[in-house]
């Protein structure tokens, strides 16, 4: 129902991930995504460590209603659900 995560706070690592993502997009013939320079600046300035838990409310509703597929409870289901 919920997944844990921690925030990436390393500006160099984030910059590298942006570059890798755009390289993969180029290989697929997709347009590149602009690098979020404001995010990188915030990370360079010193963003504190952070983490959390994200509850999938759609999955909670699925369980509460006894449905077998999350697509049955999503307001805007996609074919891949």
PDB file of N, CA and C in Angstrom:
ATOM      1  N   UNK A   1       0.809  -1.207   0.000  1.00  0.00           N
ATOM      2  CA  UNK A   1       0.000   0.000   0.000  1.00  0.00           C
ATOM      3  C   UNK A   1       0.841   1.254   0.000  1.00  0.00           C
ATOM      4  N   UNK A   2       1.997   1.194   0.595  1.00  0.00           N
ATOM      5  CA  UNK A   2       2.845   2.380   0.685  1.00  0.00           C
ATOM      6  C   UNK A   2       4.284   1.985   0.383  1.00  0.00           C
ATOM      7  N   UNK A   3       5.006   2.936  -0.188  1.00  0.00           N
ATOM      8  CA  UNK A   3       6.416   2.669  -0.450  1.00  0.00           C
ATOM      9  C   UNK A   3       7.263   3.762   0.198  1.00  0.00           C
ATOM     10  N   UNK A   4       8.407   3.356   0.705  1.00  0.00           N
ATOM     11  CA  UNK A   4       9.318   4.314   1.321  1.00  0.00           C
ATOM     12  C   UNK A   4      10.278   4.860   0.282  1.00  0.00           C
ATOM     13  N   UNK A   5      10.748   6.052   0.524  1.00  0.00           N
ATOM     14  CA  UNK A   5      11.700   6.675  -0.398  1.00  0.00           C
ATOM     15  C   UNK A   5      12.586   7.636   0.392  1.00  0.00           C
ATOM     16  N   UNK A   6      13.693   7.965  -0.204  1.00  0.00           N
ATOM     17  CA  UNK A   6      14.529   9.031   0.342  1.00  0.00           C
ATOM     18  C   UNK A   6      14.927   9.944  -0.807  1.00  0.00           C
ATOM     19  N   UNK A   7      15.063  11.211  -0.496  1.00  0.00           N
ATOM     20  CA  UNK A   7      15.344  12.217  -1.522  1.00  0.00           C
ATOM     21  C   UNK A   7      16.810  12.222  -1.918  1.00  0.00           C
ATOM     22  N   UNK A   8      17.056  12.379  -3.204  1.00  0.00           N
ATOM     23  CA  UNK A   8      18.406  12.553  -3.715  1.00  0.00           C
ATOM     24  C   UNK A   8      18.824  13.992  -3.434  1.00  0.00           C
ATOM     25  N   UNK A   9      19.890  14.180  -2.693  1.00  0.00           N
ATOM     26  CA  UNK A   9      20.331  15.535  -2.331  1.00  0.00           C
ATOM     27  C   UNK A   9      21.703  15.876  -2.892  1.00  0.00           C
ATOM     28  N   UNK A  10      22.265  15.017  -3.698  1.00  0.00           N
ATOM     29  CA  UNK A  10      23.586  15.229  -4.283  1.00  0.00           C
ATOM     30  C   UNK A  10      23.434  15.858  -5.670  1.00  0.00           C
ATOM     31  N   UNK A  11      23.848  17.113  -5.816  1.00  0.00           N
ATOM     32  CA  UNK A  11      23.674  17.845  -7.072  1.00  0.00           C
ATOM     33  C   UNK A  11      24.416  17.177  -8.230  1.00  0.00           C
ATOM     34  N   UNK A  12      25.621  16.690  -7.993  1.00  0.00           N
ATOM     35  CA  UNK A  12      26.389  16.049  -9.059  1.00  0.00           C
ATOM     36  C   UNK A  12      25.698  14.775  -9.552  1.00  0.00           C
ATOM     37  N   UNK A  13      25.180  13.990  -8.621  1.00  0.00           N
ATOM     38  CA  UNK A  13      24.466  12.769  -8.992  1.00  0.00           C
ATOM     39  C   UNK A  13      23.202  13.108  -9.768  1.00  0.00           C
ATOM     40  N   UNK A  14      22.479  14.129  -9.338  1.00  0.00           N
ATOM     41  CA  UNK A  14      21.250  14.520 -10.047  1.00  0.00           C
ATOM     42  C   UNK A  14      21.566  15.021 -11.449  1.00  0.00           C
ATOM     43  N   UNK A  15      22.626  15.812 -11.585  1.00  0.00           N
ATOM     44  CA  UNK A  15      23.049  16.318 -12.892  1.00  0.00           C
ATOM     45  C   UNK A  15      23.379  15.155 -13.823  1.00  0.00           C
ATOM     46  N   UNK A  16      24.071  14.149 -13.289  1.00  0.00           N
ATOM     47  CA  UNK A  16      24.432  12.968 -14.070  1.00  0.00           C
ATOM     48  C   UNK A  16      23.177  12.197 -14.497  1.00  0.00           C
ATOM     49  N   UNK A  17      22.203  12.095 -13.612  1.00  0.00           N
ATOM     50  CA  UNK A  17      20.960  11.389 -13.951  1.00  0.00           C
ATOM     51  C   UNK A  17      20.189  12.129 -15.029  1.00  0.00           C
ATOM     52  N   UNK A  18      20.161  13.459 -14.946  1.00  0.00           N
ATOM     53  CA  UNK A  18      19.515  14.236 -16.004  1.00  0.00           C
ATOM     54  C   UNK A  18      20.176  13.935 -17.350  1.00  0.00           C
ATOM     55  N   UNK A  19      21.511  13.918 -17.362  1.00  0.00           N
ATOM     56  CA  UNK A  19      22.253  13.665 -18.602  1.00  0.00           C
ATOM     57  C   UNK A  19      21.969  12.254 -19.130  1.00  0.00           C
ATOM     58  N   UNK A  20      21.951  11.269 -18.240  1.00  0.00           N
ATOM     59  CA  UNK A  20      21.666   9.885 -18.656  1.00  0.00           C
ATOM     60  C   UNK A  20      20.248   9.755 -19.207  1.00  0.00           C
ATOM     61  N   UNK A  21      19.302  10.404 -18.560  1.00  0.00           N
ATOM     62  CA  UNK A  21      17.919  10.355 -19.039  1.00  0.00           C
ATOM     63  C   UNK A  21      17.802  10.958 -20.434  1.00  0.00           C
ATOM     64  N   UNK A  22      18.448  12.085 -20.649  1.00  0.00           N
ATOM     65  CA  UNK A  22      18.391  12.714 -21.967  1.00  0.00           C
ATOM     66  C   UNK A  22      19.113  11.892 -23.023  1.00  0.00           C
ATOM     67  N   UNK A  23      20.196  11.233 -22.655  1.00  0.00           N
ATOM     68  CA  UNK A  23      20.901  10.358 -23.595  1.00  0.00           C
ATOM     69  C   UNK A  23      19.989   9.207 -24.018  1.00  0.00           C
ATOM     70  N   UNK A  24      19.270   8.640 -23.060  1.00  0.00           N
ATOM     71  CA  UNK A  24      18.339   7.551 -23.370  1.00  0.00           C
ATOM     72  C   UNK A  24      17.207   8.063 -24.264  1.00  0.00           C
ATOM     73  N   UNK A  25      16.731   9.270 -24.011  1.00  0.00           N
ATOM     74  CA  UNK A  25      15.671   9.850 -24.837  1.00  0.00           C
ATOM     75  C   UNK A  25      16.160  10.062 -26.268  1.00  0.00           C
ATOM     76  N   UNK A  26      17.400  10.537 -26.422  1.00  0.00           N
ATOM     77  CA  UNK A  26      17.967  10.726 -27.762  1.00  0.00           C
ATOM     78  C   UNK A  26      18.008   9.407 -28.526  1.00  0.00           C
ATOM     79  N   UNK A  27      18.438   8.345 -27.836  1.00  0.00           N
ATOM     80  CA  UNK A  27      18.520   7.032 -28.481  1.00  0.00           C
ATOM     81  C   UNK A  27      17.150   6.533 -28.928  1.00  0.00           C
ATOM     82  N   UNK A  28      16.105   6.930 -28.217  1.00  0.00           N
ATOM     83  CA  UNK A  28      14.746   6.520 -28.567  1.00  0.00           C
ATOM     84  C   UNK A  28      14.078   7.467 -29.553  1.00  0.00           C
ATOM     85  N   UNK A  29      14.819   8.513 -29.943  1.00  0.00           N
ATOM     86  CA  UNK A  29      14.266   9.484 -30.875  1.00  0.00           C
ATOM     87  C   UNK A  29      13.268  10.435 -30.234  1.00  0.00           C
ATOM     88  N   UNK A  30      13.328  10.562 -28.916  1.00  0.00           N
ATOM     89  CA  UNK A  30      12.419  11.453 -28.189  1.00  0.00           C
ATOM     90  C   UNK A  30      13.097  12.791 -27.933  1.00  0.00           C
ATOM     91  N   UNK A  31      12.322  13.844 -27.771  1.00  0.00           N
ATOM     92  CA  UNK A  31      12.937  15.138 -27.460  1.00  0.00           C
ATOM     93  C   UNK A  31      13.539  15.132 -26.058  1.00  0.00           C
ATOM     94  N   UNK A  32      14.613  15.877 -25.915  1.00  0.00           N
ATOM     95  CA  UNK A  32      15.238  15.980 -24.596  1.00  0.00           C
ATOM     96  C   UNK A  32      14.377  16.841 -23.674  1.00  0.00           C
ATOM     97  N   UNK A  33      14.526  16.604 -22.393  1.00  0.00           N
ATOM     98  CA  UNK A  33      13.822  17.369 -21.370  1.00  0.00           C
ATOM     99  C   UNK A  33      14.797  18.396 -20.810  1.00  0.00           C
ATOM    100  N   UNK A  34      14.330  19.633 -20.644  1.00  0.00           N
ATOM    101  CA  UNK A  34      15.189  20.675 -20.077  1.00  0.00           C
ATOM    102  C   UNK A  34      15.656  20.283 -18.685  1.00  0.00           C
ATOM    103  N   UNK A  35      16.929  20.528 -18.406  1.00  0.00           N
ATOM    104  CA  UNK A  35      17.491  20.275 -17.082  1.00  0.00           C
ATOM    105  C   UNK A  35      16.915  21.300 -16.110  1.00  0.00           C
ATOM    106  N   UNK A  36      16.471  20.836 -14.955  1.00  0.00           N
ATOM    107  CA  UNK A  36      15.903  21.726 -13.938  1.00  0.00           C
ATOM    108  C   UNK A  36      17.049  22.400 -13.182  1.00  0.00           C
ATOM    109  N   UNK A  37      17.478  23.538 -13.693  1.00  0.00           N
ATOM    110  CA  UNK A  37      18.616  24.239 -13.116  1.00  0.00           C
ATOM    111  C   UNK A  37      18.312  24.787 -11.719  1.00  0.00           C
ATOM    112  N   UNK A  38      17.044  25.101 -11.462  1.00  0.00           N
ATOM    113  CA  UNK A  38      16.676  25.596 -10.134  1.00  0.00           C
ATOM    114  C   UNK A  38      16.797  24.482  -9.092  1.00  0.00           C
ATOM    115  N   UNK A  39      16.421  23.280  -9.468  1.00  0.00           N
ATOM    116  CA  UNK A  39      16.593  22.146  -8.566  1.00  0.00           C
ATOM    117  C   UNK A  39      18.073  21.921  -8.293  1.00  0.00           C
ATOM    118  N   UNK A  40      18.896  21.933  -9.350  1.00  0.00           N
ATOM    119  CA  UNK A  40      20.335  21.737  -9.162  1.00  0.00           C
ATOM    120  C   UNK A  40      20.934  22.822  -8.277  1.00  0.00           C
ATOM    121  N   UNK A  41      20.488  24.066  -8.456  1.00  0.00           N
ATOM    122  CA  UNK A  41      20.981  25.165  -7.619  1.00  0.00           C
ATOM    123  C   UNK A  41      20.583  24.948  -6.165  1.00  0.00           C
ATOM    124  N   UNK A  42      19.368  24.490  -5.926  1.00  0.00           N
ATOM    125  CA  UNK A  42      18.914  24.223  -4.555  1.00  0.00           C
ATOM    126  C   UNK A  42      19.747  23.107  -3.930  1.00  0.00           C
ATOM    127  N   UNK A  43      20.024  22.076  -4.716  1.00  0.00           N
ATOM    128  CA  UNK A  43      20.841  20.976  -4.197  1.00  0.00           C
ATOM    129  C   UNK A  43      22.257  21.446  -3.893  1.00  0.00           C
ATOM    130  N   UNK A  44      22.810  22.269  -4.767  1.00  0.00           N
ATOM    131  CA  UNK A  44      24.162  22.792  -4.534  1.00  0.00           C
ATOM    132  C   UNK A  44      24.206  23.689  -3.301  1.00  0.00           C
ATOM    133  N   UNK A  45      23.129  24.414  -3.061  1.00  0.00           N
ATOM    134  CA  UNK A  45      23.047  25.300  -1.902  1.00  0.00           C
ATOM    135  C   UNK A  45      23.035  24.496  -0.598  1.00  0.00           C
ATOM    136  N   UNK A  46      22.464  23.311  -0.650  1.00  0.00           N
ATOM    137  CA  UNK A  46      22.428  22.466   0.540  1.00  0.00           C
ATOM    138  C   UNK A  46      21.026  22.103   0.969  1.00  0.00           C
ATOM    139  N   UNK A  47      20.448  21.146   0.298  1.00  0.00           N
ATOM    140  CA  UNK A  47      19.129  20.652   0.673  1.00  0.00           C
ATOM    141  C   UNK A  47      19.296  19.616   1.777  1.00  0.00           C
ATOM    142  N   UNK A  48      18.514  19.714   2.850  1.00  0.00           N
ATOM    143  CA  UNK A  48      18.654  18.730   3.926  1.00  0.00           C
ATOM    144  C   UNK A  48      18.154  17.353   3.495  1.00  0.00           C
ATOM    145  N   UNK A  49      18.660  16.323   4.140  1.00  0.00           N
ATOM    146  CA  UNK A  49      18.202  14.970   3.866  1.00  0.00           C
ATOM    147  C   UNK A  49      16.707  14.884   4.147  1.00  0.00           C
ATOM    148  N   UNK A  50      16.030  14.080   3.358  1.00  0.00           N
ATOM    149  CA  UNK A  50      14.596  13.900   3.548  1.00  0.00           C
ATOM    150  C   UNK A  50      14.164  12.521   3.098  1.00  0.00           C
ATOM    151  N   UNK A  51      13.092  12.040   3.689  1.00  0.00           N
ATOM    152  CA  UNK A  51      12.540  10.752   3.305  1.00  0.00           C
ATOM    153  C   UNK A  51      11.062  10.749   3.659  1.00  0.00           C
ATOM    154  N   UNK A  52      10.372   9.722   3.214  1.00  0.00           N
ATOM    155  CA  UNK A  52       8.959   9.651   3.522  1.00  0.00           C
ATOM    156  C   UNK A  52       8.345   8.350   3.052  1.00  0.00           C
ATOM    157  N   UNK A  53       7.032   8.317   3.152  1.00  0.00           N
ATOM    158  CA  UNK A  53       6.253   7.161   2.727  1.00  0.00           C
ATOM    159  C   UNK A  53       5.102   7.682   1.881  1.00  0.00           C
ATOM    160  N   UNK A  54       4.888   7.084   0.730  1.00  0.00           N
ATOM    161  CA  UNK A  54       3.807   7.493  -0.161  1.00  0.00           C
ATOM    162  C   UNK A  54       2.734   6.406  -0.179  1.00  0.00           C
ATOM    163  N   UNK A  55       1.540   6.768   0.257  1.00  0.00           N
ATOM    164  CA  UNK A  55       0.419   5.839   0.264  1.00  0.00           C
ATOM    165  C   UNK A  55      -0.301   5.893  -1.069  1.00  0.00           C
ATOM    166  N   UNK A  56      -0.501   4.753  -1.680  1.00  0.00           N
ATOM    167  CA  UNK A  56      -1.257   4.677  -2.926  1.00  0.00           C
ATOM    168  C   UNK A  56      -2.743   4.608  -2.594  1.00  0.00           C
ATOM    169  N   UNK A  57      -3.399   5.770  -2.573  1.00  0.00           N
ATOM    170  CA  UNK A  57      -4.809   5.819  -2.194  1.00  0.00           C
ATOM    171  C   UNK A  57      -5.671   4.966  -3.117  1.00  0.00           C
ATOM    172  N   UNK A  58      -5.300   4.869  -4.390  1.00  0.00           N
ATOM    173  CA  UNK A  58      -6.049   4.019  -5.311  1.00  0.00           C
ATOM    174  C   UNK A  58      -5.976   2.557  -4.879  1.00  0.00           C
ATOM    175  N   UNK A  59      -4.840   2.135  -4.369  1.00  0.00           N
ATOM    176  CA  UNK A  59      -4.698   0.749  -3.916  1.00  0.00           C
ATOM    177  C   UNK A  59      -5.466   0.515  -2.615  1.00  0.00           C
ATOM    178  N   UNK A  60      -5.513   1.519  -1.769  1.00  0.00           N
ATOM    179  CA  UNK A  60      -6.289   1.423  -0.532  1.00  0.00           C
ATOM    180  C   UNK A  60      -7.781   1.275  -0.869  1.00  0.00           C
ATOM    181  N   UNK A  61      -8.266   2.065  -1.811  1.00  0.00           N
ATOM    182  CA  UNK A  61      -9.664   1.971  -2.240  1.00  0.00           C
ATOM    183  C   UNK A  61      -9.927   0.608  -2.879  1.00  0.00           C
ATOM    184  N   UNK A  62      -8.972   0.128  -3.672  1.00  0.00           N
ATOM    185  CA  UNK A  62      -9.110  -1.191  -4.297  1.00  0.00           C
ATOM    186  C   UNK A  62      -9.321  -2.254  -3.228  1.00  0.00           C
ATOM    187  N   UNK A  63      -8.505  -2.228  -2.188  1.00  0.00           N
ATOM    188  CA  UNK A  63      -8.643  -3.199  -1.100  1.00  0.00           C
ATOM    189  C   UNK A  63      -9.972  -3.047  -0.378  1.00  0.00           C
ATOM    190  N   UNK A  64     -10.340  -1.793  -0.060  1.00  0.00           N
ATOM    191  CA  UNK A  64     -11.579  -1.540   0.680  1.00  0.00           C
ATOM    192  C   UNK A  64     -12.810  -2.026  -0.082  1.00  0.00           C
ATOM    193  N   UNK A  65     -12.785  -1.923  -1.400  1.00  0.00           N
ATOM    194  CA  UNK A  65     -13.926  -2.329  -2.219  1.00  0.00           C
ATOM    195  C   UNK A  65     -13.838  -3.778  -2.695  1.00  0.00           C
ATOM    196  N   UNK A  66     -12.744  -4.457  -2.375  1.00  0.00           N
ATOM    197  CA  UNK A  66     -12.585  -5.852  -2.762  1.00  0.00           C
ATOM    198  C   UNK A  66     -12.415  -6.056  -4.252  1.00  0.00           C
ATOM    199  N   UNK A  67     -11.851  -5.079  -4.944  1.00  0.00           N
ATOM    200  CA  UNK A  67     -11.630  -5.188  -6.390  1.00  0.00           C
ATOM    201  C   UNK A  67     -10.343  -5.959  -6.653  1.00  0.00           C
ATOM    202  N   UNK A  68     -10.260  -6.581  -7.824  1.00  0.00           N
ATOM    203  CA  UNK A  68      -9.078  -7.372  -8.165  1.00  0.00           C
ATOM    204  C   UNK A  68      -8.049  -6.596  -8.971  1.00  0.00           C
ATOM    205  N   UNK A  69      -8.447  -5.441  -9.501  1.00  0.00           N
ATOM    206  CA  UNK A  69      -7.535  -4.639 -10.316  1.00  0.00           C
ATOM    207  C   UNK A  69      -7.622  -3.178  -9.908  1.00  0.00           C
ATOM    208  N   UNK A  70      -6.476  -2.525  -9.844  1.00  0.00           N
ATOM    209  CA  UNK A  70      -6.462  -1.105  -9.499  1.00  0.00           C
ATOM    210  C   UNK A  70      -7.172  -0.283 -10.573  1.00  0.00           C
ATOM    211  N   UNK A  71      -7.193  -0.772 -11.805  1.00  0.00           N
ATOM    212  CA  UNK A  71      -7.873  -0.063 -12.895  1.00  0.00           C
ATOM    213  C   UNK A  71      -9.373   0.078 -12.626  1.00  0.00           C
ATOM    214  N   UNK A  72      -9.932  -0.810 -11.820  1.00  0.00           N
ATOM    215  CA  UNK A  72     -11.361  -0.757 -11.507  1.00  0.00           C
ATOM    216  C   UNK A  72     -11.730   0.426 -10.614  1.00  0.00           C
ATOM    217  N   UNK A  73     -10.752   1.015  -9.957  1.00  0.00           N
ATOM    218  CA  UNK A  73     -11.047   2.111  -9.029  1.00  0.00           C
ATOM    219  C   UNK A  73     -10.411   3.435  -9.434  1.00  0.00           C
ATOM    220  N   UNK A  74      -9.662   3.433 -10.517  1.00  0.00           N
ATOM    221  CA  UNK A  74      -9.009   4.655 -10.961  1.00  0.00           C
ATOM    222  C   UNK A  74      -9.969   5.514 -11.775  1.00  0.00           C
ATOM    223  N   UNK A  75      -9.977   6.817 -11.484  1.00  0.00           N
ATOM    224  CA  UNK A  75     -10.867   7.712 -12.213  1.00  0.00           C
ATOM    225  C   UNK A  75     -10.467   7.822 -13.681  1.00  0.00           C
ATOM    226  N   UNK A  76      -9.171   7.784 -13.956  1.00  0.00           N
ATOM    227  CA  UNK A  76      -8.671   7.925 -15.320  1.00  0.00           C
ATOM    228  C   UNK A  76      -7.702   6.798 -15.606  1.00  0.00           C
ATOM    229  N   UNK A  77      -8.202   5.598 -15.709  1.00  0.00           N
ATOM    230  CA  UNK A  77      -7.356   4.418 -15.928  1.00  0.00           C
ATOM    231  C   UNK A  77      -6.711   4.472 -17.312  1.00  0.00           C
ATOM    232  N   UNK A  78      -5.506   3.938 -17.394  1.00  0.00           N
ATOM    233  CA  UNK A  78      -4.807   3.830 -18.663  1.00  0.00           C
ATOM    234  C   UNK A  78      -4.793   2.360 -19.077  1.00  0.00           C
ATOM    235  N   UNK A  79      -4.554   2.083 -20.350  1.00  0.00           N
ATOM    236  CA  UNK A  79      -4.566   0.682 -20.811  1.00  0.00           C
ATOM    237  C   UNK A  79      -3.540  -0.194 -20.112  1.00  0.00           C
ATOM    238  N   UNK A  80      -2.466   0.369 -19.555  1.00  0.00           N
ATOM    239  CA  UNK A  80      -1.404  -0.428 -18.933  1.00  0.00           C
ATOM    240  C   UNK A  80      -1.680  -0.776 -17.481  1.00  0.00           C
ATOM    241  N   UNK A  81      -2.802  -0.385 -16.933  1.00  0.00           N
ATOM    242  CA  UNK A  81      -3.115  -0.658 -15.521  1.00  0.00           C
ATOM    243  C   UNK A  81      -3.508  -2.095 -15.307  1.00  0.00           C
TER     244      UNK A  81
END
